């Protein structure tokens, strides 16, 4: 039962970190400037994506996921370090 509770806590922790990263990790200027939009249009054309909004969405969700994973790993390592000292 304790293992299940730990796993559920870790899942909830990761989910909360992901929600926080979605809320607070944003592209710099929003709305974007013309030069930035031009870069997104070129990248979407090069990748064969019709709408650059689809590319922007995928890129930012990936960045937010990476931020959540890094925060999760840091919290877990800090917790293990803290528990090892006790």
N, C-alpha and C. Protein backbone atom coordinates (compact mmCIF):
# COMPACT_ATOMS: atom_id res chain seq x y z
N UNK A 1 0.81 -1.19 0.00
CA UNK A 1 0.00 0.00 0.00
C UNK A 1 0.86 1.26 0.00
N UNK A 2 1.97 1.20 0.72
CA UNK A 2 2.86 2.37 0.76
C UNK A 2 3.48 2.63 -0.61
N UNK A 3 3.78 1.57 -1.34
CA UNK A 3 4.35 1.72 -2.68
C UNK A 3 3.35 2.40 -3.60
N UNK A 4 2.10 2.00 -3.51
CA UNK A 4 1.07 2.62 -4.33
C UNK A 4 0.92 4.11 -3.99
N UNK A 5 0.96 4.43 -2.72
CA UNK A 5 0.85 5.83 -2.30
C UNK A 5 2.04 6.65 -2.81
N UNK A 6 3.24 6.08 -2.76
CA UNK A 6 4.41 6.80 -3.28
C UNK A 6 4.30 7.02 -4.78
N UNK A 7 3.87 6.00 -5.48
CA UNK A 7 3.72 6.14 -6.94
C UNK A 7 2.66 7.18 -7.29
N UNK A 8 1.57 7.17 -6.58
CA UNK A 8 0.51 8.15 -6.84
C UNK A 8 0.99 9.56 -6.51
N UNK A 9 1.78 9.70 -5.44
CA UNK A 9 2.33 11.01 -5.10
C UNK A 9 3.28 11.49 -6.19
N UNK A 10 4.11 10.60 -6.71
CA UNK A 10 5.04 11.00 -7.77
C UNK A 10 4.30 11.40 -9.05
N UNK A 11 3.24 10.69 -9.37
CA UNK A 11 2.44 11.04 -10.54
C UNK A 11 1.79 12.40 -10.34
N UNK A 12 1.23 12.62 -9.15
CA UNK A 12 0.60 13.91 -8.85
C UNK A 12 1.62 15.04 -8.86
N UNK A 13 2.82 14.78 -8.34
CA UNK A 13 3.88 15.78 -8.35
C UNK A 13 4.25 16.16 -9.78
N UNK A 14 4.44 15.16 -10.64
CA UNK A 14 4.79 15.45 -12.02
C UNK A 14 3.67 16.21 -12.72
N UNK A 15 2.43 15.81 -12.50
CA UNK A 15 1.30 16.49 -13.12
C UNK A 15 1.24 17.95 -12.68
N UNK A 16 1.43 18.20 -11.39
CA UNK A 16 1.42 19.58 -10.88
C UNK A 16 2.56 20.39 -11.47
N UNK A 17 3.74 19.80 -11.58
CA UNK A 17 4.87 20.50 -12.18
C UNK A 17 4.61 20.82 -13.65
N UNK A 18 3.97 19.89 -14.35
CA UNK A 18 3.65 20.14 -15.76
C UNK A 18 2.63 21.28 -15.89
N UNK A 19 1.63 21.28 -15.03
CA UNK A 19 0.63 22.36 -15.06
C UNK A 19 1.29 23.70 -14.77
N UNK A 20 2.19 23.73 -13.79
CA UNK A 20 2.90 24.97 -13.48
C UNK A 20 3.77 25.42 -14.65
N UNK A 21 4.43 24.48 -15.32
CA UNK A 21 5.25 24.87 -16.46
C UNK A 21 4.40 25.38 -17.62
N UNK A 22 3.22 24.79 -17.81
CA UNK A 22 2.32 25.28 -18.86
C UNK A 22 1.87 26.71 -18.53
N UNK A 23 1.65 26.96 -17.26
CA UNK A 23 1.16 28.28 -16.85
C UNK A 23 2.24 29.35 -16.93
N UNK A 24 3.48 29.02 -16.57
CA UNK A 24 4.49 30.05 -16.41
C UNK A 24 5.60 30.05 -17.48
N UNK A 25 5.76 29.01 -18.26
CA UNK A 25 6.77 29.00 -19.33
C UNK A 25 6.08 29.46 -20.61
N UNK A 26 6.46 30.63 -21.07
CA UNK A 26 5.82 31.23 -22.25
C UNK A 26 6.87 31.73 -23.22
N UNK A 27 6.49 31.88 -24.49
CA UNK A 27 7.40 32.55 -25.42
C UNK A 27 7.59 34.00 -24.99
N UNK A 28 8.74 34.55 -25.30
CA UNK A 28 9.11 35.88 -24.80
C UNK A 28 8.07 36.95 -25.09
N UNK A 29 8.01 37.48 -26.30
CA UNK A 29 6.97 38.48 -26.53
C UNK A 29 5.69 37.80 -27.04
N UNK A 30 4.61 38.06 -26.39
CA UNK A 30 3.36 37.49 -26.86
C UNK A 30 2.37 38.63 -27.03
N UNK A 31 1.88 38.94 -28.17
CA UNK A 31 2.03 38.26 -29.45
C UNK A 31 3.41 38.47 -30.05
N UNK A 32 3.74 37.60 -30.96
CA UNK A 32 5.08 37.60 -31.54
C UNK A 32 5.26 38.73 -32.54
N UNK A 33 6.52 39.10 -32.73
CA UNK A 33 6.84 40.13 -33.71
C UNK A 33 6.78 39.54 -35.11
N UNK A 34 6.81 40.40 -36.11
CA UNK A 34 6.75 39.95 -37.50
C UNK A 34 7.95 39.07 -37.86
N UNK A 35 9.14 39.43 -37.37
CA UNK A 35 10.33 38.64 -37.71
C UNK A 35 10.24 37.24 -37.10
N UNK A 36 9.71 37.13 -35.88
CA UNK A 36 9.56 35.82 -35.27
C UNK A 36 8.51 34.98 -36.00
N UNK A 37 7.43 35.61 -36.39
CA UNK A 37 6.41 34.88 -37.15
C UNK A 37 6.94 34.41 -38.50
N UNK A 38 7.81 35.22 -39.10
CA UNK A 38 8.42 34.84 -40.37
C UNK A 38 9.27 33.58 -40.20
N UNK A 39 10.00 33.50 -39.09
CA UNK A 39 10.82 32.30 -38.82
C UNK A 39 9.92 31.09 -38.64
N UNK A 40 8.82 31.24 -37.91
CA UNK A 40 7.89 30.12 -37.71
C UNK A 40 7.26 29.68 -39.04
N UNK A 41 6.91 30.64 -39.91
CA UNK A 41 6.36 30.30 -41.22
C UNK A 41 7.36 29.51 -42.05
N UNK A 42 8.62 29.97 -42.06
CA UNK A 42 9.65 29.25 -42.83
C UNK A 42 9.87 27.85 -42.29
N UNK A 43 9.93 27.71 -40.97
CA UNK A 43 10.13 26.39 -40.37
C UNK A 43 8.95 25.46 -40.68
N UNK A 44 7.74 25.98 -40.61
CA UNK A 44 6.58 25.13 -40.90
C UNK A 44 6.54 24.74 -42.38
N UNK A 45 6.93 25.66 -43.26
CA UNK A 45 7.00 25.31 -44.68
C UNK A 45 8.07 24.25 -44.93
N UNK A 46 9.22 24.40 -44.26
CA UNK A 46 10.32 23.45 -44.44
C UNK A 46 9.93 22.06 -43.94
N UNK A 47 9.15 22.00 -42.86
CA UNK A 47 8.72 20.72 -42.31
C UNK A 47 7.46 20.18 -42.98
N UNK A 48 6.84 20.98 -43.83
CA UNK A 48 5.64 20.53 -44.53
C UNK A 48 4.38 20.64 -43.69
N UNK A 49 4.38 21.54 -42.74
CA UNK A 49 3.22 21.75 -41.88
C UNK A 49 2.45 22.96 -42.42
N UNK A 50 1.17 22.78 -42.65
CA UNK A 50 0.37 23.83 -43.28
C UNK A 50 0.21 25.06 -42.38
N UNK A 51 -0.08 24.84 -41.10
CA UNK A 51 -0.34 25.94 -40.17
C UNK A 51 0.80 26.06 -39.16
N UNK A 52 1.47 27.20 -39.08
CA UNK A 52 2.57 27.33 -38.11
C UNK A 52 2.11 27.27 -36.66
N UNK A 53 0.82 27.51 -36.39
CA UNK A 53 0.31 27.39 -35.02
C UNK A 53 0.47 25.96 -34.51
N UNK A 54 0.32 24.97 -35.40
CA UNK A 54 0.51 23.58 -34.99
C UNK A 54 1.96 23.34 -34.57
N UNK A 55 2.89 23.90 -35.31
CA UNK A 55 4.31 23.76 -34.97
C UNK A 55 4.63 24.47 -33.67
N UNK A 56 4.10 25.67 -33.49
CA UNK A 56 4.34 26.42 -32.25
C UNK A 56 3.80 25.64 -31.06
N UNK A 57 2.62 25.06 -31.18
CA UNK A 57 2.02 24.29 -30.09
C UNK A 57 2.89 23.10 -29.71
N UNK A 58 3.33 22.34 -30.70
CA UNK A 58 4.14 21.15 -30.43
C UNK A 58 5.48 21.53 -29.79
N UNK A 59 6.11 22.58 -30.30
CA UNK A 59 7.40 23.01 -29.75
C UNK A 59 7.25 23.47 -28.31
N UNK A 60 6.25 24.27 -28.01
CA UNK A 60 6.10 24.78 -26.65
C UNK A 60 5.65 23.72 -25.67
N UNK A 61 4.81 22.78 -26.08
CA UNK A 61 4.44 21.69 -25.18
C UNK A 61 5.67 20.82 -24.89
N UNK A 62 6.52 20.62 -25.89
CA UNK A 62 7.76 19.87 -25.67
C UNK A 62 8.67 20.59 -24.69
N UNK A 63 8.82 21.89 -24.85
CA UNK A 63 9.64 22.67 -23.92
C UNK A 63 9.06 22.61 -22.51
N UNK A 64 7.75 22.74 -22.39
CA UNK A 64 7.12 22.68 -21.08
C UNK A 64 7.28 21.30 -20.44
N UNK A 65 7.23 20.26 -21.25
CA UNK A 65 7.44 18.90 -20.74
C UNK A 65 8.88 18.73 -20.26
N UNK A 66 9.84 19.25 -21.00
CA UNK A 66 11.24 19.16 -20.58
C UNK A 66 11.45 19.91 -19.27
N UNK A 67 10.86 21.08 -19.12
CA UNK A 67 10.98 21.85 -17.88
C UNK A 67 10.37 21.07 -16.72
N UNK A 68 9.23 20.46 -16.92
CA UNK A 68 8.59 19.68 -15.86
C UNK A 68 9.44 18.47 -15.47
N UNK A 69 10.03 17.80 -16.44
CA UNK A 69 10.89 16.64 -16.15
C UNK A 69 12.12 17.07 -15.37
N UNK A 70 12.75 18.17 -15.78
CA UNK A 70 13.94 18.65 -15.06
C UNK A 70 13.60 19.05 -13.62
N UNK A 71 12.48 19.71 -13.42
CA UNK A 71 12.06 20.08 -12.06
C UNK A 71 11.76 18.83 -11.24
N UNK A 72 11.11 17.85 -11.84
CA UNK A 72 10.79 16.61 -11.15
C UNK A 72 12.05 15.88 -10.72
N UNK A 73 13.00 15.75 -11.62
CA UNK A 73 14.25 15.07 -11.31
C UNK A 73 15.00 15.81 -10.20
N UNK A 74 15.03 17.13 -10.26
CA UNK A 74 15.71 17.90 -9.23
C UNK A 74 15.04 17.71 -7.87
N UNK A 75 13.73 17.72 -7.81
CA UNK A 75 13.02 17.53 -6.54
C UNK A 75 13.27 16.14 -5.98
N UNK A 76 13.20 15.13 -6.82
CA UNK A 76 13.43 13.75 -6.36
C UNK A 76 14.85 13.58 -5.85
N UNK A 77 15.84 14.14 -6.55
CA UNK A 77 17.23 14.02 -6.09
C UNK A 77 17.45 14.77 -4.79
N UNK A 78 16.87 15.94 -4.66
CA UNK A 78 16.99 16.67 -3.40
C UNK A 78 16.34 15.92 -2.25
N UNK A 79 15.20 15.31 -2.51
CA UNK A 79 14.52 14.55 -1.47
C UNK A 79 15.36 13.34 -1.05
N UNK A 80 15.93 12.64 -2.01
CA UNK A 80 16.78 11.48 -1.69
C UNK A 80 18.01 11.91 -0.91
N UNK A 81 18.59 13.03 -1.28
CA UNK A 81 19.75 13.55 -0.56
C UNK A 81 19.38 13.92 0.87
N UNK A 82 18.24 14.54 1.04
CA UNK A 82 17.75 14.92 2.37
C UNK A 82 17.50 13.68 3.22
N UNK A 83 16.86 12.65 2.64
CA UNK A 83 16.56 11.43 3.38
C UNK A 83 17.82 10.65 3.73
N UNK A 84 18.85 10.72 2.88
CA UNK A 84 20.09 10.00 3.15
C UNK A 84 20.86 10.63 4.31
N UNK A 85 20.72 11.92 4.48
CA UNK A 85 21.40 12.62 5.57
C UNK A 85 20.75 12.31 6.92
N UNK A 86 19.49 11.98 6.93
CA UNK A 86 18.81 11.74 8.20
C UNK A 86 19.10 10.40 8.75
